[in-house]
Structures are given as structure tokens and as C-alpha cells.
């Protein structure tokens, strides 16, 4: 399964019942949000929205790390499996 390619963008939103952050593939409002983080007045919500925003770059970094780790044979097999598991999520 493929993810929506980046870069992703973050914007605040507010409607009659909710407020928070939207994560979108583009800053256009005609596309569906990839994720919503509700409640922007909490520090955790800001941090969670930044983490979601970084997801495409984090995935790329993990894929690069997995490639590099594969060059070291069995020396980093546990680390390789940890990175593989993170990518699979």
C-alpha cells in the first residue's frame, strides 16, 4: 500500500464542533485531509501535528537507513528489524 506523497502541509481548522489541525497533501482546500488533530490549544496536539507532517520524510529516512544497515550484514540485524517494523506500520 502506498501513502500520499509529500510534502504535506498543516493548517488550523475550526468548525461548529471541533478545532485543531488538518494535515493535507497540498495547501488547497478541495482535497480531503490526510489527518486531523483535534484541540490545538494543547501542546500535545501541536507536537502530534508536527509528527504527522514529518511522516513522508521520516519514512524516506527509515528506508534509507534500512538500505545502509543491510550493507553491514548481521551486525545490525536487531536494528534492521526495528526499522522494518516501523516502516510496516
PDB file of N, CA and C in Angstrom:
ATOM      1  N   UNK A   1       0.843  -1.168   0.000  1.00  0.00           N
ATOM      2  CA  UNK A   1       0.000   0.000   0.000  1.00  0.00           C
ATOM      3  C   UNK A   1       0.895   1.240   0.000  1.00  0.00           C
ATOM      4  N   UNK A   2       0.575   2.194  -0.819  1.00  0.00           N
ATOM      5  CA  UNK A   2       1.349   3.432  -0.907  1.00  0.00           C
ATOM      6  C   UNK A   2       0.669   4.535  -0.104  1.00  0.00           C
ATOM      7  N   UNK A   3       1.474   5.421   0.402  1.00  0.00           N
ATOM      8  CA  UNK A   3       0.952   6.570   1.133  1.00  0.00           C
ATOM      9  C   UNK A   3       0.821   7.752   0.174  1.00  0.00           C
ATOM     10  N   UNK A   4       0.118   8.759   0.615  1.00  0.00           N
ATOM     11  CA  UNK A   4       0.009  10.000  -0.147  1.00  0.00           C
ATOM     12  C   UNK A   4       1.379  10.665  -0.151  1.00  0.00           C
ATOM     13  N   UNK A   5       1.937  10.955  -1.326  1.00  0.00           N
ATOM     14  CA  UNK A   5       3.274  11.546  -1.354  1.00  0.00           C
ATOM     15  C   UNK A   5       3.300  12.942  -0.735  1.00  0.00           C
ATOM     16  N   UNK A   6       4.455  13.298  -0.202  1.00  0.00           N
ATOM     17  CA  UNK A   6       4.647  14.627   0.372  1.00  0.00           C
ATOM     18  C   UNK A   6       5.049  15.607  -0.697  1.00  0.00           C
ATOM     19  N   UNK A   7       5.280  16.830  -0.356  1.00  0.00           N
ATOM     20  CA  UNK A   7       5.232  17.331   1.020  1.00  0.00           C
ATOM     21  C   UNK A   7       3.797  17.507   1.498  1.00  0.00           C
ATOM     22  N   UNK A   8       3.627  17.361   2.799  1.00  0.00           N
ATOM     23  CA  UNK A   8       2.340  17.594   3.408  1.00  0.00           C
ATOM     24  C   UNK A   8       2.351  18.976   4.047  1.00  0.00           C
ATOM     25  N   UNK A   9       1.168  19.522   4.244  1.00  0.00           N
ATOM     26  CA  UNK A   9       1.021  20.862   4.817  1.00  0.00           C
ATOM     27  C   UNK A   9       0.068  20.810   5.998  1.00  0.00           C
ATOM     28  N   UNK A  10       0.280  21.720   6.936  1.00  0.00           N
ATOM     29  CA  UNK A  10      -0.553  21.784   8.145  1.00  0.00           C
ATOM     30  C   UNK A  10      -1.279  23.117   8.178  1.00  0.00           C
ATOM     31  N   UNK A  11      -2.535  23.078   8.565  1.00  0.00           N
ATOM     32  CA  UNK A  11      -3.318  24.303   8.724  1.00  0.00           C
ATOM     33  C   UNK A  11      -4.278  24.126   9.904  1.00  0.00           C
ATOM     34  N   UNK A  12      -4.545  25.212  10.570  1.00  0.00           N
ATOM     35  CA  UNK A  12      -5.561  25.177  11.637  1.00  0.00           C
ATOM     36  C   UNK A  12      -6.940  25.119  11.008  1.00  0.00           C
ATOM     37  N   UNK A  13      -7.860  24.461  11.713  1.00  0.00           N
ATOM     38  CA  UNK A  13      -9.247  24.479  11.265  1.00  0.00           C
ATOM     39  C   UNK A  13     -10.151  24.623  12.473  1.00  0.00           C
ATOM     40  N   UNK A  14     -11.341  25.120  12.210  1.00  0.00           N
ATOM     41  CA  UNK A  14     -12.345  25.270  13.261  1.00  0.00           C
ATOM     42  C   UNK A  14     -13.698  25.215  12.584  1.00  0.00           C
ATOM     43  N   UNK A  15     -14.581  24.382  13.134  1.00  0.00           N
ATOM     44  CA  UNK A  15     -15.961  24.369  12.662  1.00  0.00           C
ATOM     45  C   UNK A  15     -16.877  24.466  13.883  1.00  0.00           C
ATOM     46  N   UNK A  16     -18.128  24.147  13.734  1.00  0.00           N
ATOM     47  CA  UNK A  16     -19.094  24.305  14.834  1.00  0.00           C
ATOM     48  C   UNK A  16     -18.821  23.386  16.016  1.00  0.00           C
ATOM     49  N   UNK A  17     -18.158  22.267  15.783  1.00  0.00           N
ATOM     50  CA  UNK A  17     -17.976  21.288  16.855  1.00  0.00           C
ATOM     51  C   UNK A  17     -16.525  20.972  17.195  1.00  0.00           C
ATOM     52  N   UNK A  18     -15.587  21.234  16.296  1.00  0.00           N
ATOM     53  CA  UNK A  18     -14.200  20.850  16.513  1.00  0.00           C
ATOM     54  C   UNK A  18     -13.243  21.964  16.097  1.00  0.00           C
ATOM     55  N   UNK A  19     -12.051  21.888  16.658  1.00  0.00           N
ATOM     56  CA  UNK A  19     -10.958  22.748  16.221  1.00  0.00           C
ATOM     57  C   UNK A  19      -9.672  21.952  16.342  1.00  0.00           C
ATOM     58  N   UNK A  20      -8.698  22.296  15.533  1.00  0.00           N
ATOM     59  CA  UNK A  20      -7.435  21.574  15.581  1.00  0.00           C
ATOM     60  C   UNK A  20      -6.609  21.858  14.346  1.00  0.00           C
ATOM     61  N   UNK A  21      -5.881  20.826  13.913  1.00  0.00           N
ATOM     62  CA  UNK A  21      -5.013  20.943  12.744  1.00  0.00           C
ATOM     63  C   UNK A  21      -5.428  19.931  11.687  1.00  0.00           C
ATOM     64  N   UNK A  22      -5.337  20.346  10.431  1.00  0.00           N
ATOM     65  CA  UNK A  22      -5.532  19.453   9.294  1.00  0.00           C
ATOM     66  C   UNK A  22      -4.166  19.211   8.668  1.00  0.00           C
ATOM     67  N   UNK A  23      -3.913  17.980   8.301  1.00  0.00           N
ATOM     68  CA  UNK A  23      -2.726  17.645   7.530  1.00  0.00           C
ATOM     69  C   UNK A  23      -3.225  17.284   6.133  1.00  0.00           C
ATOM     70  N   UNK A  24      -2.711  17.991   5.126  1.00  0.00           N
ATOM     71  CA  UNK A  24      -3.137  17.799   3.737  1.00  0.00           C
ATOM     72  C   UNK A  24      -1.919  17.595   2.850  1.00  0.00           C
ATOM     73  N   UNK A  25      -2.156  16.971   1.691  1.00  0.00           N
ATOM     74  CA  UNK A  25      -1.079  16.752   0.733  1.00  0.00           C
ATOM     75  C   UNK A  25      -0.719  18.039   0.010  1.00  0.00           C
ATOM     76  N   UNK A  26      -1.612  18.957  -0.044  1.00  0.00           N
ATOM     77  CA  UNK A  26      -1.377  20.240  -0.699  1.00  0.00           C
ATOM     78  C   UNK A  26      -2.169  21.298   0.064  1.00  0.00           C
ATOM     79  N   UNK A  27      -1.772  22.544  -0.046  1.00  0.00           N
ATOM     80  CA  UNK A  27      -2.484  23.572   0.709  1.00  0.00           C
ATOM     81  C   UNK A  27      -3.864  23.891   0.156  1.00  0.00           C
ATOM     82  N   UNK A  28      -4.285  23.250  -0.917  1.00  0.00           N
ATOM     83  CA  UNK A  28      -5.609  23.509  -1.483  1.00  0.00           C
ATOM     84  C   UNK A  28      -6.692  22.923  -0.580  1.00  0.00           C
ATOM     85  N   UNK A  29      -7.795  23.609  -0.470  1.00  0.00           N
ATOM     86  CA  UNK A  29      -8.878  23.135   0.390  1.00  0.00           C
ATOM     87  C   UNK A  29      -9.847  22.206  -0.325  1.00  0.00           C
ATOM     88  N   UNK A  30      -9.588  21.882  -1.591  1.00  0.00           N
ATOM     89  CA  UNK A  30     -10.501  20.996  -2.309  1.00  0.00           C
ATOM     90  C   UNK A  30     -10.108  19.536  -2.179  1.00  0.00           C
ATOM     91  N   UNK A  31      -9.071  19.231  -1.407  1.00  0.00           N
ATOM     92  CA  UNK A  31      -8.640  17.857  -1.198  1.00  0.00           C
ATOM     93  C   UNK A  31      -9.017  17.406   0.206  1.00  0.00           C
ATOM     94  N   UNK A  32      -9.224  16.104   0.353  1.00  0.00           N
ATOM     95  CA  UNK A  32      -9.513  15.560   1.673  1.00  0.00           C
ATOM     96  C   UNK A  32      -8.280  15.646   2.559  1.00  0.00           C
ATOM     97  N   UNK A  33      -8.505  15.833   3.833  1.00  0.00           N
ATOM     98  CA  UNK A  33      -7.403  15.856   4.788  1.00  0.00           C
ATOM     99  C   UNK A  33      -6.839  14.451   4.948  1.00  0.00           C
ATOM    100  N   UNK A  34      -5.532  14.361   5.118  1.00  0.00           N
ATOM    101  CA  UNK A  34      -4.882  13.087   5.409  1.00  0.00           C
ATOM    102  C   UNK A  34      -5.123  12.722   6.859  1.00  0.00           C
ATOM    103  N   UNK A  35      -5.072  13.730   7.736  1.00  0.00           N
ATOM    104  CA  UNK A  35      -5.267  13.507   9.170  1.00  0.00           C
ATOM    105  C   UNK A  35      -5.810  14.770   9.812  1.00  0.00           C
ATOM    106  N   UNK A  36      -6.505  14.573  10.916  1.00  0.00           N
ATOM    107  CA  UNK A  36      -6.983  15.675  11.743  1.00  0.00           C
ATOM    108  C   UNK A  36      -6.448  15.467  13.152  1.00  0.00           C
ATOM    109  N   UNK A  37      -5.944  16.528  13.747  1.00  0.00           N
ATOM    110  CA  UNK A  37      -5.519  16.502  15.147  1.00  0.00           C
ATOM    111  C   UNK A  37      -6.412  17.498  15.853  1.00  0.00           C
ATOM    112  N   UNK A  38      -7.246  17.002  16.730  1.00  0.00           N
ATOM    113  CA  UNK A  38      -8.246  17.855  17.368  1.00  0.00           C
ATOM    114  C   UNK A  38      -7.695  18.523  18.621  1.00  0.00           C
ATOM    115  N   UNK A  39      -8.040  19.800  18.794  1.00  0.00           N
ATOM    116  CA  UNK A  39      -7.703  20.532  20.009  1.00  0.00           C
ATOM    117  C   UNK A  39      -6.380  21.254  19.955  1.00  0.00           C
ATOM    118  N   UNK A  40      -6.265  22.314  19.185  1.00  0.00           N
ATOM    119  CA  UNK A  40      -4.966  22.974  19.037  1.00  0.00           C
ATOM    120  C   UNK A  40      -4.525  23.794  20.233  1.00  0.00           C
ATOM    121  N   UNK A  41      -5.305  23.845  21.287  1.00  0.00           N
ATOM    122  CA  UNK A  41      -4.873  24.598  22.465  1.00  0.00           C
ATOM    123  C   UNK A  41      -4.063  23.739  23.438  1.00  0.00           C
ATOM    124  N   UNK A  42      -3.759  22.506  23.074  1.00  0.00           N
ATOM    125  CA  UNK A  42      -2.960  21.613  23.901  1.00  0.00           C
ATOM    126  C   UNK A  42      -1.592  21.415  23.256  1.00  0.00           C
ATOM    127  N   UNK A  43      -0.502  21.491  24.032  1.00  0.00           N
ATOM    128  CA  UNK A  43       0.842  21.316  23.458  1.00  0.00           C
ATOM    129  C   UNK A  43       1.012  19.975  22.740  1.00  0.00           C
ATOM    130  N   UNK A  44       0.373  18.916  23.246  1.00  0.00           N
ATOM    131  CA  UNK A  44       0.495  17.607  22.601  1.00  0.00           C
ATOM    132  C   UNK A  44      -0.093  17.623  21.195  1.00  0.00           C
ATOM    133  N   UNK A  45      -1.131  18.384  20.982  1.00  0.00           N
ATOM    134  CA  UNK A  45      -1.758  18.454  19.660  1.00  0.00           C
ATOM    135  C   UNK A  45      -0.812  19.099  18.657  1.00  0.00           C
ATOM    136  N   UNK A  46      -0.141  20.147  19.065  1.00  0.00           N
ATOM    137  CA  UNK A  46       0.850  20.788  18.192  1.00  0.00           C
ATOM    138  C   UNK A  46       1.968  19.808  17.867  1.00  0.00           C
ATOM    139  N   UNK A  47       2.475  19.107  18.880  1.00  0.00           N
ATOM    140  CA  UNK A  47       3.552  18.137  18.661  1.00  0.00           C
ATOM    141  C   UNK A  47       3.086  16.992  17.766  1.00  0.00           C
ATOM    142  N   UNK A  48       1.875  16.493  17.983  1.00  0.00           N
ATOM    143  CA  UNK A  48       1.349  15.410  17.154  1.00  0.00           C
ATOM    144  C   UNK A  48       1.176  15.857  15.706  1.00  0.00           C
ATOM    145  N   UNK A  49       0.738  17.087  15.505  1.00  0.00           N
ATOM    146  CA  UNK A  49       0.562  17.572  14.138  1.00  0.00           C
ATOM    147  C   UNK A  49       1.909  17.700  13.433  1.00  0.00           C
ATOM    148  N   UNK A  50       2.948  18.110  14.159  1.00  0.00           N
ATOM    149  CA  UNK A  50       4.291  18.193  13.558  1.00  0.00           C
ATOM    150  C   UNK A  50       4.823  16.808  13.205  1.00  0.00           C
ATOM    151  N   UNK A  51       4.555  15.831  14.069  1.00  0.00           N
ATOM    152  CA  UNK A  51       4.988  14.457  13.798  1.00  0.00           C
ATOM    153  C   UNK A  51       4.303  13.906  12.543  1.00  0.00           C
ATOM    154  N   UNK A  52       3.000  14.118  12.432  1.00  0.00           N
ATOM    155  CA  UNK A  52       2.280  13.685  11.228  1.00  0.00           C
ATOM    156  C   UNK A  52       2.801  14.392   9.987  1.00  0.00           C
ATOM    157  N   UNK A  53       3.075  15.663  10.110  1.00  0.00           N
ATOM    158  CA  UNK A  53       3.576  16.453   8.993  1.00  0.00           C
ATOM    159  C   UNK A  53       4.910  15.911   8.488  1.00  0.00           C
ATOM    160  N   UNK A  54       5.723  15.387   9.375  1.00  0.00           N
ATOM    161  CA  UNK A  54       7.044  14.862   9.017  1.00  0.00           C
ATOM    162  C   UNK A  54       7.005  13.425   8.502  1.00  0.00           C
ATOM    163  N   UNK A  55       5.851  12.783   8.510  1.00  0.00           N
ATOM    164  CA  UNK A  55       5.763  11.356   8.168  1.00  0.00           C
ATOM    165  C   UNK A  55       6.400  10.987   6.831  1.00  0.00           C
ATOM    166  N   UNK A  56       6.152  11.711   5.734  1.00  0.00           N
ATOM    167  CA  UNK A  56       6.791  11.310   4.475  1.00  0.00           C
ATOM    168  C   UNK A  56       8.326  11.350   4.545  1.00  0.00           C
ATOM    169  N   UNK A  57       8.880  12.369   5.195  1.00  0.00           N
ATOM    170  CA  UNK A  57      10.331  12.471   5.326  1.00  0.00           C
ATOM    171  C   UNK A  57      10.883  11.398   6.270  1.00  0.00           C
ATOM    172  N   UNK A  58      10.153  11.108   7.338  1.00  0.00           N
ATOM    173  CA  UNK A  58      10.582  10.060   8.260  1.00  0.00           C
ATOM    174  C   UNK A  58      10.583   8.696   7.579  1.00  0.00           C
ATOM    175  N   UNK A  59       9.579   8.428   6.767  1.00  0.00           N
ATOM    176  CA  UNK A  59       9.543   7.172   6.026  1.00  0.00           C
ATOM    177  C   UNK A  59      10.742   7.070   5.094  1.00  0.00           C
ATOM    178  N   UNK A  60      11.039   8.136   4.379  1.00  0.00           N
ATOM    179  CA  UNK A  60      12.193   8.136   3.484  1.00  0.00           C
ATOM    180  C   UNK A  60      13.498   7.902   4.235  1.00  0.00           C
ATOM    181  N   UNK A  61      13.631   8.519   5.400  1.00  0.00           N
ATOM    182  CA  UNK A  61      14.834   8.342   6.209  1.00  0.00           C
ATOM    183  C   UNK A  61      14.957   6.894   6.691  1.00  0.00           C
ATOM    184  N   UNK A  62      13.839   6.293   7.078  1.00  0.00           N
ATOM    185  CA  UNK A  62      13.856   4.890   7.519  1.00  0.00           C
ATOM    186  C   UNK A  62      14.231   3.959   6.364  1.00  0.00           C
ATOM    187  N   UNK A  63      13.692   4.221   5.188  1.00  0.00           N
ATOM    188  CA  UNK A  63      14.020   3.390   4.028  1.00  0.00           C
ATOM    189  C   UNK A  63      15.505   3.511   3.689  1.00  0.00           C
ATOM    190  N   UNK A  64      16.054   4.698   3.781  1.00  0.00           N
ATOM    191  CA  UNK A  64      17.482   4.925   3.542  1.00  0.00           C
ATOM    192  C   UNK A  64      18.314   4.207   4.602  1.00  0.00           C
ATOM    193  N   UNK A  65      17.916   4.322   5.855  1.00  0.00           N
ATOM    194  CA  UNK A  65      18.635   3.657   6.942  1.00  0.00           C
ATOM    195  C   UNK A  65      18.606   2.143   6.764  1.00  0.00           C
ATOM    196  N   UNK A  66      17.479   1.599   6.331  1.00  0.00           N
ATOM    197  CA  UNK A  66      17.369   0.163   6.115  1.00  0.00           C
ATOM    198  C   UNK A  66      18.332  -0.290   5.029  1.00  0.00           C
ATOM    199  N   UNK A  67      18.435   0.474   3.965  1.00  0.00           N
ATOM    200  CA  UNK A  67      19.372   0.159   2.891  1.00  0.00           C
ATOM    201  C   UNK A  67      20.811   0.164   3.417  1.00  0.00           C
ATOM    202  N   UNK A  68      21.174   1.197   4.175  1.00  0.00           N
ATOM    203  CA  UNK A  68      22.532   1.295   4.711  1.00  0.00           C
ATOM    204  C   UNK A  68      22.816   0.159   5.697  1.00  0.00           C
ATOM    205  N   UNK A  69      21.860  -0.128   6.563  1.00  0.00           N
ATOM    206  CA  UNK A  69      22.037  -1.205   7.543  1.00  0.00           C
ATOM    207  C   UNK A  69      22.196  -2.564   6.873  1.00  0.00           C
ATOM    208  N   UNK A  70      21.580  -2.750   5.720  1.00  0.00           N
ATOM    209  CA  UNK A  70      21.690  -4.038   5.022  1.00  0.00           C
ATOM    210  C   UNK A  70      23.113  -4.295   4.533  1.00  0.00           C
ATOM    211  N   UNK A  71      23.916  -3.250   4.413  1.00  0.00           N
ATOM    212  CA  UNK A  71      25.305  -3.390   3.986  1.00  0.00           C
ATOM    213  C   UNK A  71      26.209  -3.920   5.108  1.00  0.00           C
ATOM    214  N   UNK A  72      25.730  -3.938   6.346  1.00  0.00           N
ATOM    215  CA  UNK A  72      26.549  -4.352   7.480  1.00  0.00           C
ATOM    216  C   UNK A  72      26.319  -5.795   7.899  1.00  0.00           C
ATOM    217  N   UNK A  73      25.608  -6.559   7.097  1.00  0.00           N
ATOM    218  CA  UNK A  73      25.385  -7.971   7.425  1.00  0.00           C
ATOM    219  C   UNK A  73      24.586  -8.144   8.693  1.00  0.00           C
ATOM    220  N   UNK A  74      25.006  -9.114   9.506  1.00  0.00           N
ATOM    221  CA  UNK A  74      24.253  -9.450  10.719  1.00  0.00           C
ATOM    222  C   UNK A  74      24.577  -8.555  11.913  1.00  0.00           C
ATOM    223  N   UNK A  75      25.544  -7.661  11.763  1.00  0.00           N
ATOM    224  CA  UNK A  75      25.953  -6.826  12.899  1.00  0.00           C
ATOM    225  C   UNK A  75      24.814  -5.968  13.444  1.00  0.00           C
ATOM    226  N   UNK A  76      23.896  -5.554  12.583  1.00  0.00           N
ATOM    227  CA  UNK A  76      22.804  -4.671  12.997  1.00  0.00           C
ATOM    228  C   UNK A  76      21.441  -5.294  12.708  1.00  0.00           C
ATOM    229  N   UNK A  77      21.349  -6.615  12.825  1.00  0.00           N
ATOM    230  CA  UNK A  77      20.098  -7.295  12.458  1.00  0.00           C
ATOM    231  C   UNK A  77      18.927  -6.863  13.333  1.00  0.00           C
ATOM    232  N   UNK A  78      19.165  -6.646  14.620  1.00  0.00           N
ATOM    233  CA  UNK A  78      18.072  -6.223  15.506  1.00  0.00           C
ATOM    234  C   UNK A  78      17.598  -4.819  15.137  1.00  0.00           C
ATOM    235  N   UNK A  79      18.531  -3.932  14.871  1.00  0.00           N
ATOM    236  CA  UNK A  79      18.176  -2.570  14.460  1.00  0.00           C
ATOM    237  C   UNK A  79      17.442  -2.595  13.127  1.00  0.00           C
ATOM    238  N   UNK A  80      17.918  -3.423  12.206  1.00  0.00           N
ATOM    239  CA  UNK A  80      17.257  -3.551  10.899  1.00  0.00           C
ATOM    240  C   UNK A  80      15.807  -3.991  11.058  1.00  0.00           C
ATOM    241  N   UNK A  81      15.568  -4.945  11.928  1.00  0.00           N
ATOM    242  CA  UNK A  81      14.201  -5.425  12.153  1.00  0.00           C
ATOM    243  C   UNK A  81      13.324  -4.359  12.797  1.00  0.00           C
ATOM    244  N   UNK A  82      13.910  -3.557  13.673  1.00  0.00           N
ATOM    245  CA  UNK A  82      13.161  -2.448  14.284  1.00  0.00           C
ATOM    246  C   UNK A  82      12.738  -1.439  13.209  1.00  0.00           C
ATOM    247  N   UNK A  83      13.666  -1.110  12.317  1.00  0.00           N
ATOM    248  CA  UNK A  83      13.360  -0.157  11.244  1.00  0.00           C
ATOM    249  C   UNK A  83      12.318  -0.765  10.290  1.00  0.00           C
ATOM    250  N   UNK A  84      12.473  -2.036   9.953  1.00  0.00           N
ATOM    251  CA  UNK A  84      11.477  -2.712   9.088  1.00  0.00           C
ATOM    252  C   UNK A  84      10.080  -2.662   9.709  1.00  0.00           C
ATOM    253  N   UNK A  85      10.008  -2.917  11.001  1.00  0.00           N
ATOM    254  CA  UNK A  85       8.714  -2.904  11.698  1.00  0.00           C
ATOM    255  C   UNK A  85       8.111  -1.502  11.669  1.00  0.00           C
ATOM    256  N   UNK A  86       8.938  -0.488  11.850  1.00  0.00           N
ATOM    257  CA  UNK A  86       8.434   0.894  11.810  1.00  0.00           C
ATOM    258  C   UNK A  86       7.902   1.233  10.424  1.00  0.00           C
ATOM    259  N   UNK A  87       8.588   0.809   9.382  1.00  0.00           N
ATOM    260  CA  UNK A  87       8.126   1.063   8.009  1.00  0.00           C
ATOM    261  C   UNK A  87       6.816   0.342   7.741  1.00  0.00           C
ATOM    262  N   UNK A  88       6.678  -0.863   8.263  1.00  0.00           N
ATOM    263  CA  UNK A  88       5.472  -1.675   8.016  1.00  0.00           C
ATOM    264  C   UNK A  88       4.229  -1.111   8.674  1.00  0.00           C
ATOM    265  N   UNK A  89       4.385  -0.281   9.695  1.00  0.00           N
ATOM    266  CA  UNK A  89       3.227   0.280  10.391  1.00  0.00           C
ATOM    267  C   UNK A  89       2.527   1.216   9.464  1.00  0.00           C
TER     268      UNK A  89
END
